[in-house]
């Protein structure tokens, strides 16, 4: 019933920008705890940031100032704007949703119930 679908990945040069999107369906309208993650080959999954039901955002130190999380007005689509991309940013990017968590308890360590299949981002020189 619940669907989480990432899109917008692709190849970009070092220093460039890319925006990936996450469309969520099958949930009641409103704000939820949502997060962006990434995983590169042979590395553990890394939490990049979250946005809670009130629109408050948290970012990992590694992407603070370069990545920005936003939502559409209906809060059914989550975006990750990535700027000043580096080769180390190359990874599969995943979106996750926890529809039952509210407020400041939203962070990357949450056991998110719904995940997308990911979208590949490749940064090269």
C-alpha atoms as a PDB file:
ATOM      1  CA  UNK A   1       0.000   0.000   0.000  1.00  0.00           C
ATOM      2  CA  UNK A   2       2.696   2.475   0.997  1.00  0.00           C
ATOM      3  CA  UNK A   3       5.076   3.326  -1.818  1.00  0.00           C
ATOM      4  CA  UNK A   4       8.354   5.203  -1.611  1.00  0.00           C
ATOM      5  CA  UNK A   5       9.989   5.956  -4.955  1.00  0.00           C
ATOM      6  CA  UNK A   6      13.231   7.859  -5.475  1.00  0.00           C
ATOM      7  CA  UNK A   7      14.114   9.565  -8.738  1.00  0.00           C
ATOM      8  CA  UNK A   8      16.454  12.143 -10.205  1.00  0.00           C
ATOM      9  CA  UNK A   9      19.776  10.396  -9.826  1.00  0.00           C
ATOM     10  CA  UNK A  10      22.425  10.504 -12.504  1.00  0.00           C
ATOM     11  CA  UNK A  11      25.957  11.543 -13.309  1.00  0.00           C
ATOM     12  CA  UNK A  12      27.399  14.924 -12.441  1.00  0.00           C
ATOM     13  CA  UNK A  13      30.840  16.511 -12.498  1.00  0.00           C
ATOM     14  CA  UNK A  14      32.764  17.481  -9.393  1.00  0.00           C
ATOM     15  CA  UNK A  15      31.431  20.734  -8.002  1.00  0.00           C
ATOM     16  CA  UNK A  16      28.109  20.334  -9.741  1.00  0.00           C
ATOM     17  CA  UNK A  17      24.592  20.046  -8.372  1.00  0.00           C
ATOM     18  CA  UNK A  18      21.831  17.492  -8.485  1.00  0.00           C
ATOM     19  CA  UNK A  19      18.385  17.207  -6.947  1.00  0.00           C
ATOM     20  CA  UNK A  20      16.862  13.857  -6.161  1.00  0.00           C
ATOM     21  CA  UNK A  21      13.228  13.346  -5.243  1.00  0.00           C
ATOM     22  CA  UNK A  22      11.235  10.915  -3.158  1.00  0.00           C
ATOM     23  CA  UNK A  23       7.539  10.429  -3.859  1.00  0.00           C
ATOM     24  CA  UNK A  24       5.472   8.897  -1.084  1.00  0.00           C
ATOM     25  CA  UNK A  25       1.986   7.503  -1.518  1.00  0.00           C
ATOM     26  CA  UNK A  26      -0.428   5.392   0.484  1.00  0.00           C
ATOM     27  CA  UNK A  27      -0.258   7.510   3.643  1.00  0.00           C
ATOM     28  CA  UNK A  28      -2.654  10.136   5.002  1.00  0.00           C
ATOM     29  CA  UNK A  29      -1.839  13.720   4.136  1.00  0.00           C
ATOM     30  CA  UNK A  30       0.461  15.510   6.517  1.00  0.00           C
ATOM     31  CA  UNK A  31       4.030  15.705   7.678  1.00  0.00           C
ATOM     32  CA  UNK A  32       6.102  12.706   8.648  1.00  0.00           C
ATOM     33  CA  UNK A  33       9.564  11.858   9.809  1.00  0.00           C
ATOM     34  CA  UNK A  34      11.499  11.347   6.600  1.00  0.00           C
ATOM     35  CA  UNK A  35      15.156  10.857   5.899  1.00  0.00           C
ATOM     36  CA  UNK A  36      17.762  10.617   3.181  1.00  0.00           C
ATOM     37  CA  UNK A  37      20.484   7.988   3.276  1.00  0.00           C
ATOM     38  CA  UNK A  38      23.211   6.790   0.977  1.00  0.00           C
ATOM     39  CA  UNK A  39      25.359   3.721   0.602  1.00  0.00           C
ATOM     40  CA  UNK A  40      28.481   3.356  -1.470  1.00  0.00           C
ATOM     41  CA  UNK A  41      29.906  -0.046  -2.461  1.00  0.00           C
ATOM     42  CA  UNK A  42      31.618  -1.814   0.434  1.00  0.00           C
ATOM     43  CA  UNK A  43      30.558   0.905   2.862  1.00  0.00           C
ATOM     44  CA  UNK A  44      27.871   1.060   5.506  1.00  0.00           C
ATOM     45  CA  UNK A  45      24.687   2.987   4.943  1.00  0.00           C
ATOM     46  CA  UNK A  46      25.082   6.616   5.969  1.00  0.00           C
ATOM     47  CA  UNK A  47      22.346   8.902   7.230  1.00  0.00           C
ATOM     48  CA  UNK A  48      22.417  12.287   5.504  1.00  0.00           C
ATOM     49  CA  UNK A  49      19.581  14.151   7.127  1.00  0.00           C
ATOM     50  CA  UNK A  50      15.978  14.178   8.217  1.00  0.00           C
ATOM     51  CA  UNK A  51      12.926  16.394   8.229  1.00  0.00           C
ATOM     52  CA  UNK A  52      10.269  15.920  10.877  1.00  0.00           C
ATOM     53  CA  UNK A  53       6.522  16.427  10.896  1.00  0.00           C
ATOM     54  CA  UNK A  54       7.000  20.097  11.790  1.00  0.00           C
ATOM     55  CA  UNK A  55       9.470  20.753   8.999  1.00  0.00           C
ATOM     56  CA  UNK A  56      12.542  20.854  11.236  1.00  0.00           C
ATOM     57  CA  UNK A  57      15.672  19.570   9.553  1.00  0.00           C
ATOM     58  CA  UNK A  58      18.803  17.846  10.768  1.00  0.00           C
ATOM     59  CA  UNK A  59      21.917  17.152   8.721  1.00  0.00           C
ATOM     60  CA  UNK A  60      24.950  14.984   9.036  1.00  0.00           C
ATOM     61  CA  UNK A  61      28.186  16.901   9.517  1.00  0.00           C
ATOM     62  CA  UNK A  62      29.558  15.510   6.280  1.00  0.00           C
ATOM     63  CA  UNK A  63      26.908  17.231   4.156  1.00  0.00           C
ATOM     64  CA  UNK A  64      25.933  20.256   6.248  1.00  0.00           C
ATOM     65  CA  UNK A  65      26.062  23.342   4.066  1.00  0.00           C
ATOM     66  CA  UNK A  66      26.074  21.375   0.811  1.00  0.00           C
ATOM     67  CA  UNK A  67      22.878  19.316   0.961  1.00  0.00           C
ATOM     68  CA  UNK A  68      19.400  20.712   1.591  1.00  0.00           C
ATOM     69  CA  UNK A  69      16.210  18.788   2.362  1.00  0.00           C
ATOM     70  CA  UNK A  70      12.854  20.212   1.338  1.00  0.00           C
ATOM     71  CA  UNK A  71       9.254  19.160   0.704  1.00  0.00           C
ATOM     72  CA  UNK A  72       6.422  20.123  -1.594  1.00  0.00           C
ATOM     73  CA  UNK A  73       3.345  21.837  -0.165  1.00  0.00           C
ATOM     74  CA  UNK A  74       1.453  18.576   0.245  1.00  0.00           C
ATOM     75  CA  UNK A  75       4.462  16.979   1.943  1.00  0.00           C
ATOM     76  CA  UNK A  76       4.130  13.959  -0.297  1.00  0.00           C
ATOM     77  CA  UNK A  77       7.395  14.562  -2.112  1.00  0.00           C
ATOM     78  CA  UNK A  78      10.754  14.894  -0.409  1.00  0.00           C
ATOM     79  CA  UNK A  79      13.737  16.491  -2.127  1.00  0.00           C
ATOM     80  CA  UNK A  80      17.445  16.437  -1.548  1.00  0.00           C
ATOM     81  CA  UNK A  81      19.315  19.281  -3.209  1.00  0.00           C
ATOM     82  CA  UNK A  82      22.991  18.406  -3.489  1.00  0.00           C
ATOM     83  CA  UNK A  83      25.530  21.119  -4.231  1.00  0.00           C
ATOM     84  CA  UNK A  84      29.318  21.191  -4.460  1.00  0.00           C
ATOM     85  CA  UNK A  85      29.345  17.481  -5.157  1.00  0.00           C
ATOM     86  CA  UNK A  86      32.503  15.480  -4.640  1.00  0.00           C
ATOM     87  CA  UNK A  87      33.522  12.010  -5.855  1.00  0.00           C
ATOM     88  CA  UNK A  88      33.004  10.771  -2.301  1.00  0.00           C
ATOM     89  CA  UNK A  89      29.312  11.598  -2.689  1.00  0.00           C
ATOM     90  CA  UNK A  90      28.902   8.848  -5.283  1.00  0.00           C
ATOM     91  CA  UNK A  91      26.458   6.330  -3.854  1.00  0.00           C
ATOM     92  CA  UNK A  92      23.003   4.892  -4.029  1.00  0.00           C
ATOM     93  CA  UNK A  93      20.673   7.395  -2.394  1.00  0.00           C
ATOM     94  CA  UNK A  94      17.675   6.153  -0.444  1.00  0.00           C
ATOM     95  CA  UNK A  95      14.597   7.788   1.012  1.00  0.00           C
ATOM     96  CA  UNK A  96      12.876   6.475   4.132  1.00  0.00           C
ATOM     97  CA  UNK A  97       9.656   7.301   5.961  1.00  0.00           C
ATOM     98  CA  UNK A  98       8.453   6.810   9.523  1.00  0.00           C
ATOM     99  CA  UNK A  99       4.786   7.865   9.485  1.00  0.00           C
ATOM    100  CA  UNK A 100       4.319   7.291  13.217  1.00  0.00           C
ATOM    101  CA  UNK A 101       7.064   9.501  14.628  1.00  0.00           C
ATOM    102  CA  UNK A 102       6.595  13.189  15.365  1.00  0.00           C
ATOM    103  CA  UNK A 103       8.618  16.166  16.481  1.00  0.00           C
ATOM    104  CA  UNK A 104      12.260  16.177  17.456  1.00  0.00           C
ATOM    105  CA  UNK A 105      12.401  12.417  17.856  1.00  0.00           C
ATOM    106  CA  UNK A 106      13.013  12.235  14.112  1.00  0.00           C
ATOM    107  CA  UNK A 107      16.660  11.513  13.360  1.00  0.00           C
ATOM    108  CA  UNK A 108      18.689   9.206  11.152  1.00  0.00           C
ATOM    109  CA  UNK A 109      18.883   6.508  13.809  1.00  0.00           C
ATOM    110  CA  UNK A 110      15.144   5.938  13.738  1.00  0.00           C
ATOM    111  CA  UNK A 111      13.922   2.532  12.606  1.00  0.00           C
ATOM    112  CA  UNK A 112      12.193   3.744   9.453  1.00  0.00           C
ATOM    113  CA  UNK A 113       9.375   1.505   8.356  1.00  0.00           C
ATOM    114  CA  UNK A 114       9.321   2.289   4.655  1.00  0.00           C
ATOM    115  CA  UNK A 115      12.189   2.533   2.185  1.00  0.00           C
ATOM    116  CA  UNK A 116      12.535   3.204  -1.495  1.00  0.00           C
ATOM    117  CA  UNK A 117      14.650   1.249  -3.956  1.00  0.00           C
ATOM    118  CA  UNK A 118      17.221   4.016  -4.292  1.00  0.00           C
ATOM    119  CA  UNK A 119      18.551   6.211  -7.065  1.00  0.00           C
ATOM    120  CA  UNK A 120      22.178   6.169  -8.184  1.00  0.00           C
ATOM    121  CA  UNK A 121      24.317   9.296  -8.010  1.00  0.00           C
ATOM    122  CA  UNK A 122      27.745   9.291  -9.621  1.00  0.00           C
ATOM    123  CA  UNK A 123      30.171  12.193  -9.278  1.00  0.00           C
ATOM    124  CA  UNK A 124      33.233  12.256 -11.505  1.00  0.00           C
ATOM    125  CA  UNK A 125      36.012  14.600 -12.559  1.00  0.00           C
END
